[in-house]
Amino acid sequence: MYKQIYKILSLQKKLNDIMKSVIILITVSFLGFLNACNSNSQSADAGLIENNSSANDPNSKGNEPIMTFDKETFDFGTINEGEVVEHTYNFKNTGNKPLLISEVQVSCGCTVPVWPREPINPGQSSSIKLQFNSNNKPDQILKDVTIISNANPVKKKLTFTAFVIKKPRE
């Protein structure tokens, strides 16, 4: 009987040792993962700081495209629910390199963007057209549109507003 108790205790000790090793291995792996994420984040942040600081640095050569808009906001005013309205945002590349818009993100399917797919050379003007469908969008509307490009800054936000008069329900 003592031999059986001894075997059980020794098996329990081995099991405890294995569990400790597994816990240590999981902890070390997790810490390594956190460290890797942190260092990637820091290097990405450093790149953003470097890129953004050149736009604010008066001694910078300005060797990048810059999107300069006539207006970054637009108010459609009062419209009736169900109306489809459009607005064109005009801009100019005031930088020193060709501007390429890679994506225009909208907050919902009610807004459809049309943007130039070809590079816009320095000094050239172009536009982004937005079409807003007010169907099922009664009351005050505020929508954001995010332009992603190779310009400085990389993301540019445009906004539009409207007051949509609810159509009578039958």
C-alpha atoms as a PDB file:
ATOM      1  CA  MET A   1       0.000   0.000   0.000  1.00  0.00           C
ATOM      2  CA  TYR A   2       2.866   2.396   0.749  1.00  0.00           C
ATOM      3  CA  LYS A   3       4.295   1.649  -2.705  1.00  0.00           C
ATOM      4  CA  GLN A   4       1.022   2.658  -4.333  1.00  0.00           C
ATOM      5  CA  ILE A   5       0.868   5.905  -2.349  1.00  0.00           C
ATOM      6  CA  TYR A   6       4.493   6.607  -3.238  1.00  0.00           C
ATOM      7  CA  LYS A   7       3.741   6.005  -6.957  1.00  0.00           C
ATOM      8  CA  ILE A   8       0.729   8.304  -6.813  1.00  0.00           C
ATOM      9  CA  LEU A   9       2.730  11.034  -5.051  1.00  0.00           C
ATOM     10  CA  SER A  10       5.625  10.751  -7.505  1.00  0.00           C
ATOM     11  CA  LEU A  11       3.193  10.871 -10.460  1.00  0.00           C
ATOM     12  CA  GLN A  12       1.534  13.920  -8.926  1.00  0.00           C
ATOM     13  CA  LYS A  13       4.945  15.606  -8.523  1.00  0.00           C
ATOM     14  CA  LYS A  14       5.807  14.879 -12.164  1.00  0.00           C
ATOM     15  CA  LEU A  15       2.437  16.241 -13.240  1.00  0.00           C
ATOM     16  CA  ASN A  16       3.013  19.412 -11.180  1.00  0.00           C
ATOM     17  CA  ASP A  17       6.463  19.836 -12.780  1.00  0.00           C
ATOM     18  CA  ILE A  18       4.960  19.462 -16.247  1.00  0.00           C
ATOM     19  CA  MET A  19       2.218  21.991 -15.441  1.00  0.00           C
ATOM     20  CA  LYS A  20       4.801  24.485 -14.159  1.00  0.00           C
ATOM     21  CA  SER A  21       6.803  24.076 -17.380  1.00  0.00           C
ATOM     22  CA  VAL A  22       3.707  24.595 -19.521  1.00  0.00           C
ATOM     23  CA  ILE A  23       2.727  27.717 -17.570  1.00  0.00           C
ATOM     24  CA  ILE A  24       6.237  29.133 -17.877  1.00  0.00           C
ATOM     25  CA  LEU A  25       6.305  28.371 -21.610  1.00  0.00           C
ATOM     26  CA  ILE A  26       2.925  30.048 -22.164  1.00  0.00           C
ATOM     27  CA  THR A  27       3.968  33.089 -20.120  1.00  0.00           C
ATOM     28  CA  VAL A  28       7.264  33.499 -21.983  1.00  0.00           C
ATOM     29  CA  SER A  29       5.518  33.100 -25.348  1.00  0.00           C
ATOM     30  CA  PHE A  30       2.889  35.667 -24.408  1.00  0.00           C
ATOM     31  CA  LEU A  31       5.506  38.158 -23.223  1.00  0.00           C
ATOM     32  CA  GLY A  32       7.466  37.641 -26.434  1.00  0.00           C
ATOM     33  CA  PHE A  33       4.305  38.283 -28.451  1.00  0.00           C
ATOM     34  CA  LEU A  34       3.574  41.484 -26.506  1.00  0.00           C
ATOM     35  CA  ASN A  35       7.134  42.665 -26.997  1.00  0.00           C
ATOM     36  CA  ALA A  36       6.942  42.026 -30.742  1.00  0.00           C
ATOM     37  CA  CYS A  37       3.651  43.916 -31.007  1.00  0.00           C
ATOM     38  CA  ASN A  38       5.029  46.804 -29.004  1.00  0.00           C
ATOM     39  CA  SER A  39       8.196  47.110 -31.090  1.00  0.00           C
ATOM     40  CA  ASN A  40       6.176  47.011 -34.352  1.00  0.00           C
ATOM     41  CA  SER A  41       3.853  49.674 -33.008  1.00  0.00           C
ATOM     42  CA  GLN A  42       6.758  51.853 -31.946  1.00  0.00           C
ATOM     43  CA  SER A  43       8.466  51.558 -35.319  1.00  0.00           C
ATOM     44  CA  ALA A  44       5.178  52.318 -37.102  1.00  0.00           C
ATOM     45  CA  ASP A  45       4.605  55.307 -34.809  1.00  0.00           C
ATOM     46  CA  ALA A  46       8.161  56.477 -35.436  1.00  0.00           C
ATOM     47  CA  GLY A  47       7.495  56.334 -39.184  1.00  0.00           C
ATOM     48  CA  LEU A  48       4.303  58.337 -38.802  1.00  0.00           C
ATOM     49  CA  ILE A  49       6.028  60.881 -36.621  1.00  0.00           C
ATOM     50  CA  GLU A  50       8.808  61.158 -39.160  1.00  0.00           C
ATOM     51  CA  ASN A  51       6.356  61.528 -42.061  1.00  0.00           C
ATOM     52  CA  ASN A  52       4.134  64.038 -40.280  1.00  0.00           C
ATOM     53  CA  SER A  53       7.002  66.051 -38.894  1.00  0.00           C
ATOM     54  CA  SER A  54       8.295  66.751 -42.408  1.00  0.00           C
ATOM     55  CA  ALA A  55       5.026  68.515 -43.275  1.00  0.00           C
ATOM     56  CA  ASN A  56       5.350  70.771 -40.229  1.00  0.00           C
ATOM     57  CA  ASP A  57       9.100  71.309 -40.590  1.00  0.00           C
ATOM     58  CA  PRO A  58       9.793  74.614 -42.343  1.00  0.00           C
ATOM     59  CA  ASN A  59      13.217  73.275 -43.406  1.00  0.00           C
ATOM     60  CA  SER A  60      11.656  70.225 -45.081  1.00  0.00           C
ATOM     61  CA  LYS A  61      12.139  69.945 -48.834  1.00  0.00           C
ATOM     62  CA  GLY A  62       8.413  69.152 -49.229  1.00  0.00           C
ATOM     63  CA  ASN A  63       9.227  66.166 -51.384  1.00  0.00           C
ATOM     64  CA  GLU A  64       5.730  64.702 -51.221  1.00  0.00           C
ATOM     65  CA  PRO A  65       2.257  65.192 -52.650  1.00  0.00           C
ATOM     66  CA  ILE A  66      -0.161  67.431 -50.752  1.00  0.00           C
ATOM     67  CA  MET A  67      -3.947  67.522 -51.322  1.00  0.00           C
ATOM     68  CA  THR A  68      -5.293  71.052 -50.981  1.00  0.00           C
ATOM     69  CA  PHE A  69      -9.095  71.261 -51.119  1.00  0.00           C
ATOM     70  CA  ASP A  70     -11.204  74.297 -52.000  1.00  0.00           C
ATOM     71  CA  LYS A  71     -13.636  73.165 -49.264  1.00  0.00           C
ATOM     72  CA  GLU A  72     -13.521  70.102 -46.986  1.00  0.00           C
ATOM     73  CA  THR A  73     -17.139  70.369 -45.797  1.00  0.00           C
ATOM     74  CA  PHE A  74     -20.411  70.723 -47.658  1.00  0.00           C
ATOM     75  CA  ASP A  75     -24.017  71.273 -46.600  1.00  0.00           C
ATOM     76  CA  PHE A  76     -26.737  69.934 -48.909  1.00  0.00           C
ATOM     77  CA  GLY A  77     -29.235  71.958 -46.919  1.00  0.00           C
ATOM     78  CA  THR A  78     -32.769  70.612 -46.611  1.00  0.00           C
ATOM     79  CA  ILE A  79     -33.695  67.736 -48.908  1.00  0.00           C
ATOM     80  CA  ASN A  80     -36.595  65.305 -49.103  1.00  0.00           C
ATOM     81  CA  GLU A  81     -36.161  61.704 -48.012  1.00  0.00           C
ATOM     82  CA  GLY A  82     -35.435  59.549 -51.061  1.00  0.00           C
ATOM     83  CA  GLU A  83     -33.587  62.264 -52.981  1.00  0.00           C
ATOM     84  CA  VAL A  84     -30.183  61.405 -54.411  1.00  0.00           C
ATOM     85  CA  VAL A  85     -27.864  64.410 -54.296  1.00  0.00           C
ATOM     86  CA  GLU A  86     -24.286  64.922 -55.492  1.00  0.00           C
ATOM     87  CA  HIS A  87     -21.385  67.155 -54.595  1.00  0.00           C
ATOM     88  CA  THR A  88     -17.921  67.475 -56.080  1.00  0.00           C
ATOM     89  CA  TYR A  89     -14.947  68.281 -53.842  1.00  0.00           C
ATOM     90  CA  ASN A  90     -12.217  69.998 -55.881  1.00  0.00           C
ATOM     91  CA  PHE A  91      -8.570  69.740 -54.903  1.00  0.00           C
ATOM     92  CA  LYS A  92      -5.095  70.463 -56.214  1.00  0.00           C
ATOM     93  CA  ASN A  93      -1.813  68.623 -55.701  1.00  0.00           C
ATOM     94  CA  THR A  94       0.255  71.412 -54.156  1.00  0.00           C
ATOM     95  CA  GLY A  95       3.155  69.074 -53.379  1.00  0.00           C
ATOM     96  CA  ASN A  96       6.213  68.102 -55.391  1.00  0.00           C
ATOM     97  CA  LYS A  97       5.413  64.485 -56.296  1.00  0.00           C
ATOM     98  CA  PRO A  98       2.518  62.780 -58.112  1.00  0.00           C
ATOM     99  CA  LEU A  99      -0.516  62.172 -55.909  1.00  0.00           C
ATOM    100  CA  LEU A 100      -2.198  58.775 -55.981  1.00  0.00           C
ATOM    101  CA  ILE A 101      -5.493  58.144 -54.188  1.00  0.00           C
ATOM    102  CA  SER A 102      -5.636  54.490 -53.187  1.00  0.00           C
ATOM    103  CA  GLU A 103      -9.049  54.431 -51.512  1.00  0.00           C
ATOM    104  CA  VAL A 104     -12.019  56.545 -50.504  1.00  0.00           C
ATOM    105  CA  GLN A 105     -13.852  55.143 -47.477  1.00  0.00           C
ATOM    106  CA  VAL A 106     -17.455  56.052 -46.732  1.00  0.00           C
ATOM    107  CA  SER A 107     -19.360  55.434 -43.528  1.00  0.00           C
ATOM    108  CA  CYS A 108     -22.312  53.630 -45.138  1.00  0.00           C
ATOM    109  CA  GLY A 109     -23.714  52.365 -48.404  1.00  0.00           C
ATOM    110  CA  CYS A 110     -25.802  55.499 -48.780  1.00  0.00           C
ATOM    111  CA  THR A 111     -22.744  57.367 -50.083  1.00  0.00           C
ATOM    112  CA  VAL A 112     -20.970  56.455 -53.317  1.00  0.00           C
ATOM    113  CA  PRO A 113     -17.586  58.060 -54.070  1.00  0.00           C
ATOM    114  CA  VAL A 114     -15.980  58.508 -57.497  1.00  0.00           C
ATOM    115  CA  TRP A 115     -12.315  59.477 -57.479  1.00  0.00           C
ATOM    116  CA  PRO A 116      -9.438  59.670 -59.987  1.00  0.00           C
ATOM    117  CA  ARG A 117      -7.494  56.405 -60.344  1.00  0.00           C
ATOM    118  CA  GLU A 118      -4.588  57.923 -62.239  1.00  0.00           C
ATOM    119  CA  PRO A 119      -1.773  59.936 -60.612  1.00  0.00           C
ATOM    120  CA  ILE A 120      -2.340  63.675 -60.222  1.00  0.00           C
ATOM    121  CA  ASN A 121       0.895  65.481 -61.014  1.00  0.00           C
ATOM    122  CA  PRO A 122       2.174  68.451 -58.974  1.00  0.00           C
ATOM    123  CA  GLY A 123       0.178  71.560 -59.796  1.00  0.00           C
ATOM    124  CA  GLN A 124      -2.692  69.571 -61.335  1.00  0.00           C
ATOM    125  CA  SER A 125      -6.269  69.794 -60.083  1.00  0.00           C
ATOM    126  CA  SER A 126      -8.830  67.029 -59.832  1.00  0.00           C
ATOM    127  CA  SER A 127     -11.988  66.189 -57.922  1.00  0.00           C
ATOM    128  CA  ILE A 128     -13.827  63.607 -55.857  1.00  0.00           C
ATOM    129  CA  LYS A 129     -17.552  63.267 -56.512  1.00  0.00           C
ATOM    130  CA  LEU A 130     -19.899  61.985 -53.802  1.00  0.00           C
ATOM    131  CA  GLN A 131     -23.433  60.803 -54.356  1.00  0.00           C
ATOM    132  CA  PHE A 132     -25.686  60.612 -51.274  1.00  0.00           C
ATOM    133  CA  ASN A 133     -28.947  58.638 -51.259  1.00  0.00           C
ATOM    134  CA  SER A 134     -31.225  59.984 -48.523  1.00  0.00           C
ATOM    135  CA  ASN A 135     -33.642  57.045 -48.637  1.00  0.00           C
ATOM    136  CA  ASN A 136     -34.370  55.864 -45.055  1.00  0.00           C
ATOM    137  CA  LYS A 137     -32.112  58.617 -43.660  1.00  0.00           C
ATOM    138  CA  PRO A 138     -34.524  61.130 -42.087  1.00  0.00           C
ATOM    139  CA  ASP A 139     -33.469  64.016 -39.843  1.00  0.00           C
ATOM    140  CA  GLN A 140     -30.041  65.646 -39.508  1.00  0.00           C
ATOM    141  CA  ILE A 141     -27.212  63.836 -41.330  1.00  0.00           C
ATOM    142  CA  LEU A 142     -23.469  64.215 -40.781  1.00  0.00           C
ATOM    143  CA  LYS A 143     -21.287  61.904 -42.887  1.00  0.00           C
ATOM    144  CA  ASP A 144     -17.520  61.478 -43.027  1.00  0.00           C
ATOM    145  CA  VAL A 145     -15.543  60.428 -46.073  1.00  0.00           C
ATOM    146  CA  THR A 146     -11.906  59.378 -45.604  1.00  0.00           C
ATOM    147  CA  ILE A 147      -9.429  59.675 -48.463  1.00  0.00           C
ATOM    148  CA  ILE A 148      -6.365  57.442 -48.283  1.00  0.00           C
ATOM    149  CA  SER A 149      -3.471  58.467 -50.503  1.00  0.00           C
ATOM    150  CA  ASN A 150       0.288  58.865 -50.670  1.00  0.00           C
ATOM    151  CA  ALA A 151      -0.093  62.527 -49.627  1.00  0.00           C
ATOM    152  CA  ASN A 152       0.882  64.091 -46.355  1.00  0.00           C
ATOM    153  CA  PRO A 153      -1.227  63.444 -44.316  1.00  0.00           C
ATOM    154  CA  VAL A 154      -2.010  59.960 -45.589  1.00  0.00           C
ATOM    155  CA  LYS A 155      -5.664  60.192 -44.457  1.00  0.00           C
ATOM    156  CA  LYS A 156      -7.801  63.209 -45.233  1.00  0.00           C
ATOM    157  CA  LYS A 157     -11.358  63.594 -43.953  1.00  0.00           C
ATOM    158  CA  LEU A 158     -14.164  65.309 -45.833  1.00  0.00           C
ATOM    159  CA  THR A 159     -17.625  65.822 -44.352  1.00  0.00           C
ATOM    160  CA  PHE A 160     -21.076  66.667 -45.556  1.00  0.00           C
ATOM    161  CA  THR A 161     -24.347  67.457 -43.829  1.00  0.00           C
ATOM    162  CA  ALA A 162     -28.004  67.562 -44.785  1.00  0.00           C
ATOM    163  CA  PHE A 163     -31.357  67.843 -43.145  1.00  0.00           C
ATOM    164  CA  VAL A 164     -33.606  65.159 -44.609  1.00  0.00           C
ATOM    165  CA  ILE A 165     -37.355  65.772 -44.380  1.00  0.00           C
ATOM    166  CA  LYS A 166     -39.045  62.493 -43.567  1.00  0.00           C
ATOM    167  CA  LYS A 167     -41.475  61.420 -46.253  1.00  0.00           C
ATOM    168  CA  PRO A 168     -45.005  60.622 -45.088  1.00  0.00           C
ATOM    169  CA  ARG A 169     -45.610  56.916 -44.529  1.00  0.00           C
ATOM    170  CA  GLU A 170     -48.749  55.368 -45.923  1.00  0.00           C
END
